[in-house]
Amino acid sequence: MAAKRAERLVNLVIALLSTRQYVTAARIRATVPGYEPDDATDRADEAFKRMFERDKAELREMGVPLETGRTSVFDTEDGYRIARADYELPEITLTGEEAAAVGLALRLWESAHLAGAAHGALVKLKAAGVDVDTARAIPLQPRLDAGEPAFEPCYAAARDRRRLEFDYQRPDEDAPTRRHVQPWGVVAWHGRWYLVGLDLDRQAPRQYRLSRVVGTPRAVGPANAFEPPDDVDLAGIVAGQVGGEERLVVVRARPGTAIGLRRHATPLGPADDGDDRLELRTTEPWRLADELASYGADVLVEAPQEMREAVIARLTRLAAMDGATAEEPV
């Protein structure tokens, strides 16, 4: 169907749904965009009649309940309307979590270049009176952007059941290592994307944070080369390997600095030197160490010692990289 014709049909449906009265063909011609305008010529009248007859037939073929009739006995010609009760979807009942999941799926599909289908589904649900909340806070928070270039090849390999090869950089390693994986799926956990699958070198399930994948993953071998376990719980694997036990971290921050850090910290009052003492809770210590290191001298870790050492190690590596750059000849 041509785009102009599809747009005209949508406009016609909207116009006939918005009124309980029968609308005459002349009124439709004057108000619905896309029809031949009335220029008082026989040619224009004939073109409109042919177009309108085709549109009516097509709407009925699609199952749209288009009715013909007259609003009152004083009307001199038939009009048209769509029976809203017959056209609307039946009541759809979703729990708060189910509605939030629909919103989550919409955000994922839009980011994965499936926006057309996602938008259509959302429109239908909203038309049925379902309040689809795309911003409701639930444990899964997808975030697809240019910073996650590994998403699409990982997703495609999991979908096609093809083996993956990629370089993976752990925060506690100096160089990336090659990984060979049977990808089972991609899942979001606490705002980050993870690939879950069978690590062929270790012969054990593993999760890989996509932001730590170096370069573009490469799918190798034929499609349908393996099947994930029937009872595999992708989110459970990520939660078990990433979440772990919650840890408390106490830091000192210079007044007026580390604004982003303060948003998820509990103030503990001022320190003896005037700095602000903050308490942080995390189940991802490596991620928090990255964040703390980004504030440089504005933030100092008090406890625990392993977090202090992790931040110092990151800052030391950064200082070494800056020193090497400064020594290069200009």
Protein backbone atom coordinates (compact mmCIF):
# COMPACT_ATOMS: atom_id res chain seq x y z
CA MET A 1 0.00 0.00 0.00
CA ALA A 2 1.33 3.42 -0.98
CA ALA A 3 2.28 5.70 1.89
CA LYS A 4 -0.17 8.44 0.83
CA ARG A 5 -3.04 5.98 0.63
CA ALA A 6 -2.21 4.46 3.99
CA GLU A 7 -2.08 7.92 5.55
CA ARG A 8 -5.44 8.80 4.00
CA LEU A 9 -7.03 5.63 5.38
CA VAL A 10 -5.69 6.37 8.85
CA ASN A 11 -7.06 9.91 8.64
CA LEU A 12 -10.43 8.53 7.54
CA VAL A 13 -10.60 6.06 10.41
CA ILE A 14 -9.72 8.76 12.94
CA ALA A 15 -12.35 11.09 11.55
CA LEU A 16 -15.10 8.47 11.63
CA LEU A 17 -14.15 7.30 15.11
CA SER A 18 -14.27 10.81 16.53
CA THR A 19 -18.00 11.29 16.00
CA ARG A 20 -21.18 9.42 16.88
CA GLN A 21 -23.07 11.02 14.00
CA TYR A 22 -23.04 9.83 10.41
CA VAL A 23 -20.68 11.92 8.29
CA THR A 24 -21.59 12.55 4.68
CA ALA A 25 -19.19 11.94 1.81
CA ALA A 26 -19.08 15.67 1.07
CA ARG A 27 -18.06 16.39 4.65
CA ILE A 28 -15.41 13.67 4.54
CA ARG A 29 -14.05 15.12 1.33
CA ALA A 30 -13.75 18.54 2.92
CA THR A 31 -12.18 17.49 6.22
CA VAL A 32 -10.08 14.36 5.62
CA PRO A 33 -6.66 15.10 4.08
CA GLY A 34 -5.73 13.16 0.95
CA TYR A 35 -8.93 13.34 -1.07
CA GLU A 36 -9.41 15.16 -4.37
CA PRO A 37 -10.41 18.74 -3.52
CA ASP A 38 -13.73 20.11 -4.70
CA ASP A 39 -13.02 22.47 -7.58
CA ALA A 40 -16.56 22.27 -9.00
CA THR A 41 -15.48 20.10 -11.94
CA ASP A 42 -16.92 16.74 -12.97
CA ARG A 43 -13.42 15.29 -13.22
CA ALA A 44 -12.64 16.07 -9.57
CA ASP A 45 -16.01 14.70 -8.41
CA GLU A 46 -15.51 11.46 -10.30
CA ALA A 47 -11.96 11.07 -8.95
CA PHE A 48 -13.18 11.55 -5.37
CA LYS A 49 -16.01 9.03 -5.77
CA ARG A 50 -13.68 6.34 -7.13
CA MET A 51 -11.14 6.97 -4.39
CA PHE A 52 -13.74 6.98 -1.61
CA GLU A 53 -15.38 3.77 -2.85
CA ARG A 54 -12.01 2.00 -2.88
CA ASP A 55 -11.26 3.22 0.63
CA LYS A 56 -14.59 2.05 2.00
CA ALA A 57 -14.13 -1.38 0.46
CA GLU A 58 -10.60 -1.68 1.82
CA LEU A 59 -11.62 -0.70 5.36
CA ARG A 60 -14.36 -3.32 5.35
CA GLU A 61 -11.93 -5.95 4.03
CA MET A 62 -9.64 -5.14 6.96
CA GLY A 63 -12.50 -5.73 9.38
CA VAL A 64 -13.21 -2.10 10.23
CA PRO A 65 -16.96 -1.89 11.17
CA LEU A 66 -17.91 0.91 8.77
CA GLU A 67 -21.62 1.74 9.09
CA THR A 68 -23.88 3.56 6.63
CA GLY A 69 -26.93 5.49 7.78
CA ARG A 70 -28.53 8.82 8.61
CA THR A 71 -28.39 10.72 11.89
CA SER A 72 -31.97 12.05 11.65
CA VAL A 73 -35.01 11.78 9.43
CA PHE A 74 -34.26 15.24 8.04
CA ASP A 75 -30.99 14.14 6.43
CA THR A 76 -31.18 13.92 2.65
CA GLU A 77 -28.23 11.59 2.06
CA ASP A 78 -26.46 8.73 3.76
CA GLY A 79 -23.41 9.22 5.92
CA TYR A 80 -20.72 7.03 7.44
CA ARG A 81 -19.29 6.26 10.85
CA ILE A 82 -17.31 3.54 12.60
CA ALA A 83 -19.01 1.64 15.40
CA ARG A 84 -16.60 2.35 18.23
CA ALA A 85 -17.88 -0.50 20.41
CA ASP A 86 -17.19 -3.00 17.63
CA TYR A 87 -13.88 -1.45 16.63
CA GLU A 88 -12.19 -1.07 20.00
CA LEU A 89 -10.11 -3.84 21.51
CA PRO A 90 -11.60 -5.75 24.42
CA GLU A 91 -10.44 -4.74 27.86
CA ILE A 92 -6.82 -5.67 28.51
CA THR A 93 -5.85 -6.11 32.15
CA LEU A 94 -2.18 -5.89 33.07
CA THR A 95 -0.58 -5.76 36.48
CA GLY A 96 1.77 -2.91 37.28
CA GLU A 97 4.78 -5.15 36.67
CA GLU A 98 3.36 -6.40 33.36
CA ALA A 99 2.70 -2.86 32.16
CA ALA A 100 6.21 -1.88 33.18
CA ALA A 101 7.58 -4.88 31.27
CA VAL A 102 5.72 -3.69 28.16
CA GLY A 103 7.33 -0.29 28.60
CA LEU A 104 10.74 -1.93 28.99
CA ALA A 105 10.21 -3.98 25.82
CA LEU A 106 9.25 -0.83 23.95
CA ARG A 107 12.49 0.89 24.97
CA LEU A 108 14.52 -2.13 23.92
CA TRP A 109 12.79 -2.55 20.56
CA GLU A 110 13.15 1.13 19.76
CA SER A 111 16.86 0.93 20.45
CA ALA A 112 17.18 -2.29 18.45
CA HIS A 113 15.75 -0.68 15.30
CA LEU A 114 12.35 -2.32 15.70
CA ALA A 115 10.59 0.93 16.50
CA GLY A 116 7.74 0.47 14.03
CA ALA A 117 6.36 -2.71 15.56
CA ALA A 118 6.97 -1.48 19.09
CA HIS A 119 5.20 1.81 18.46
CA GLY A 120 2.23 0.01 16.91
CA ALA A 121 1.89 -2.26 19.91
CA LEU A 122 2.08 0.69 22.29
CA VAL A 123 -0.59 2.59 20.39
CA LYS A 124 -2.95 -0.39 20.52
CA LEU A 125 -2.45 -0.85 24.24
CA LYS A 126 -3.02 2.83 24.94
CA ALA A 127 -6.11 2.78 22.75
CA ALA A 128 -7.44 -0.02 24.94
CA GLY A 129 -6.99 2.09 28.03
CA VAL A 130 -3.82 0.43 29.35
CA ASP A 131 -1.43 2.82 31.04
CA VAL A 132 1.94 1.61 29.75
CA ASP A 133 4.62 3.12 31.93
CA THR A 134 7.95 3.27 30.07
CA ALA A 135 9.71 4.89 33.00
CA ARG A 136 8.57 2.73 35.91
CA ALA A 137 11.51 1.72 38.05
CA ILE A 138 12.03 -2.05 37.92
CA PRO A 139 15.25 -4.06 38.25
CA LEU A 140 15.90 -4.04 34.50
CA GLN A 141 17.01 -0.72 33.05
CA PRO A 142 18.09 -1.06 29.41
CA ARG A 143 20.41 1.51 27.95
CA LEU A 144 21.34 1.11 24.32
CA ASP A 145 23.46 3.76 22.74
CA ALA A 146 26.60 4.24 20.70
CA GLY A 147 28.60 3.16 23.74
CA GLU A 148 27.34 -0.43 23.40
CA PRO A 149 28.42 -1.40 19.86
CA ALA A 150 28.68 -5.05 20.91
CA PHE A 151 24.94 -5.38 21.50
CA GLU A 152 23.74 -6.09 17.98
CA PRO A 153 26.33 -8.74 17.01
CA CYS A 154 25.86 -10.48 20.39
CA TYR A 155 22.08 -10.36 20.09
CA ALA A 156 22.19 -11.67 16.50
CA ALA A 157 24.54 -14.54 17.43
CA ALA A 158 22.30 -15.57 20.36
CA ARG A 159 19.25 -15.43 18.12
CA ASP A 160 20.88 -17.47 15.34
CA ARG A 161 22.62 -19.88 17.79
CA ARG A 162 26.08 -19.16 16.39
CA ARG A 163 29.34 -19.31 18.33
CA LEU A 164 30.97 -15.99 19.25
CA GLU A 165 34.57 -14.86 19.49
CA PHE A 166 35.57 -11.56 21.07
CA ASP A 167 38.22 -9.83 23.16
CA TYR A 168 37.18 -9.03 26.73
CA GLN A 169 38.85 -6.53 29.06
CA ARG A 170 38.36 -7.16 32.78
CA PRO A 171 39.04 -4.18 35.08
CA ASP A 172 41.63 -6.16 37.06
CA GLU A 173 43.60 -7.23 33.97
CA ASP A 174 46.13 -5.22 32.00
CA ALA A 175 45.15 -6.57 28.57
CA PRO A 176 42.04 -8.10 26.99
CA THR A 177 41.74 -11.86 26.58
CA ARG A 178 40.12 -13.84 23.79
CA ARG A 179 36.80 -15.49 24.68
CA HIS A 180 34.96 -18.27 22.83
CA VAL A 181 31.31 -18.45 23.82
CA GLN A 182 28.04 -20.15 22.96
CA PRO A 183 25.75 -17.12 23.44
CA TRP A 184 22.46 -17.91 25.18
CA GLY A 185 21.09 -14.39 25.30
CA VAL A 186 21.54 -10.74 26.21
CA VAL A 187 20.02 -9.35 29.39
CA ALA A 188 19.95 -5.99 31.18
CA TRP A 189 20.84 -5.79 34.85
CA HIS A 190 20.96 -2.61 36.92
CA GLY A 191 21.41 -0.36 33.91
CA ARG A 192 24.03 -2.43 32.06
CA TRP A 193 23.86 -5.01 29.29
CA TYR A 194 25.34 -8.49 29.72
CA LEU A 195 25.91 -11.41 27.38
CA VAL A 196 25.22 -14.77 29.01
CA GLY A 197 26.46 -18.04 27.57
CA LEU A 198 28.69 -21.07 27.84
CA ASP A 199 32.38 -20.19 28.01
CA LEU A 200 33.89 -22.89 25.81
CA ASP A 201 37.39 -22.52 27.27
CA ARG A 202 36.16 -22.89 30.84
CA GLN A 203 33.19 -25.14 30.04
CA ALA A 204 30.99 -23.18 32.43
CA PRO A 205 28.23 -20.54 32.20
CA ARG A 206 29.56 -16.99 32.28
CA GLN A 207 28.31 -13.43 31.89
CA TYR A 208 30.16 -10.64 30.05
CA ARG A 209 29.42 -6.96 30.42
CA LEU A 210 29.08 -5.58 26.91
CA SER A 211 30.85 -2.33 27.74
CA ARG A 212 34.00 -4.38 28.41
CA VAL A 213 34.00 -6.09 25.02
CA VAL A 214 36.88 -4.77 22.91
CA GLY A 215 36.17 -4.36 19.21
CA THR A 216 33.34 -6.09 17.37
CA PRO A 217 32.37 -9.67 18.34
CA ARG A 218 32.56 -12.14 15.45
CA ALA A 219 30.05 -14.92 14.90
CA VAL A 220 31.66 -18.10 13.56
CA GLY A 221 30.36 -21.43 12.38
CA PRO A 222 26.89 -22.42 11.18
CA ALA A 223 23.56 -21.30 12.60
CA ASN A 224 21.67 -23.53 15.05
CA ALA A 225 24.94 -25.04 16.20
CA PHE A 226 23.77 -25.40 19.81
CA GLU A 227 20.74 -25.08 22.08
CA PRO A 228 20.71 -23.23 25.43
CA PRO A 229 19.55 -25.26 28.44
CA ASP A 230 15.77 -25.40 28.68
CA ASP A 231 15.71 -24.02 32.21
CA VAL A 232 18.38 -21.35 31.80
CA ASP A 233 17.73 -18.15 33.79
CA LEU A 234 19.78 -15.39 32.17
CA ALA A 235 18.98 -12.77 34.79
CA GLY A 236 19.69 -15.27 37.55
CA ILE A 237 23.15 -16.02 36.16
CA VAL A 238 23.99 -12.32 35.95
CA ALA A 239 22.62 -11.63 39.42
CA GLY A 240 24.62 -14.48 40.89
CA GLN A 241 27.92 -13.48 39.28
CA VAL A 242 27.55 -9.69 39.33
CA GLY A 243 25.29 -8.90 42.25
CA GLY A 244 26.96 -10.72 45.10
CA GLU A 245 26.82 -9.43 48.63
CA GLU A 246 26.12 -5.77 49.28
CA ARG A 247 29.17 -3.87 50.52
CA LEU A 248 29.48 -0.64 52.48
CA VAL A 249 32.06 1.91 51.38
CA VAL A 250 32.94 5.09 53.27
CA VAL A 251 34.58 7.96 51.42
CA ARG A 252 35.52 11.57 52.03
CA ALA A 253 34.69 14.19 49.39
CA ARG A 254 35.76 17.81 49.19
CA PRO A 255 32.84 20.23 49.74
CA GLY A 256 31.09 21.13 46.50
CA THR A 257 32.62 18.23 44.52
CA ALA A 258 31.48 14.73 43.43
CA ILE A 259 27.91 15.85 42.86
CA GLY A 260 27.02 12.67 40.95
CA LEU A 261 28.38 10.50 43.73
CA ARG A 262 26.38 12.32 46.38
CA ARG A 263 23.11 11.48 44.62
CA HIS A 264 23.31 7.85 45.73
CA ALA A 265 25.28 8.34 48.96
CA THR A 266 24.23 8.73 52.60
CA PRO A 267 25.83 11.75 54.32
CA LEU A 268 27.71 10.89 57.52
CA GLY A 269 28.62 14.44 58.48
CA PRO A 270 31.87 16.41 58.20
CA ALA A 271 35.32 14.97 58.80
CA ASP A 272 37.95 16.63 61.01
CA ASP A 273 39.58 18.29 58.00
CA GLY A 274 36.31 19.73 56.72
CA ASP A 275 35.65 17.14 54.00
CA ASP A 276 32.23 15.48 53.76
CA ARG A 277 32.01 11.82 54.82
CA LEU A 278 29.70 9.71 52.65
CA GLU A 279 28.47 6.13 52.90
CA LEU A 280 27.87 4.13 49.72
CA ARG A 281 26.31 0.72 49.18
CA THR A 282 27.21 -1.43 46.18
CA THR A 283 26.95 -4.96 44.85
CA GLU A 284 29.36 -4.10 42.02
CA PRO A 285 32.62 -3.02 43.69
CA TRP A 286 34.58 -2.83 40.43
CA ARG A 287 32.04 -0.46 38.97
CA LEU A 288 32.12 1.74 42.07
CA ALA A 289 35.94 1.76 42.03
CA ASP A 290 35.83 3.06 38.45
CA GLU A 291 33.47 5.83 39.50
CA LEU A 292 35.51 6.81 42.57
CA ALA A 293 38.71 6.95 40.54
CA SER A 294 37.08 9.31 38.06
CA TYR A 295 36.86 12.00 40.76
CA GLY A 296 40.62 12.01 41.27
CA ALA A 297 41.87 13.93 44.31
CA ASP A 298 38.36 15.17 45.19
CA VAL A 299 37.43 11.78 46.72
CA LEU A 300 39.37 9.68 49.23
CA VAL A 301 38.31 6.14 50.25
CA GLU A 302 38.34 5.51 54.00
CA ALA A 303 37.09 1.93 54.03
CA PRO A 304 37.22 -0.88 53.21
CA GLN A 305 40.90 -1.31 52.46
CA GLU A 306 40.36 -3.42 49.32
CA MET A 307 38.25 -0.63 47.78
CA ARG A 308 40.94 1.91 48.65
CA GLU A 309 43.57 -0.26 46.98
CA ALA A 310 41.40 -0.80 43.90
CA VAL A 311 40.97 2.96 43.41
CA ILE A 312 44.69 3.59 43.96
CA ALA A 313 45.52 0.93 41.35
CA ARG A 314 43.30 2.64 38.80
CA LEU A 315 44.77 6.05 39.49
CA THR A 316 48.28 4.62 39.26
CA ARG A 317 47.56 3.14 35.82
CA LEU A 318 46.13 6.46 34.64
CA ALA A 319 49.18 8.34 35.90
CA ALA A 320 51.48 5.90 34.11
CA MET A 321 49.57 6.36 30.86
CA ASP A 322 49.79 10.16 31.17
CA GLY A 323 53.52 9.95 31.86
CA ALA A 324 54.13 7.79 28.80
CA THR A 325 52.21 10.26 26.63
CA ALA A 326 54.19 13.22 27.99
CA GLU A 327 57.51 11.52 27.13
CA GLU A 328 56.60 11.02 23.47
CA PRO A 329 58.44 13.46 21.14
CA VAL A 330 56.32 16.20 19.64
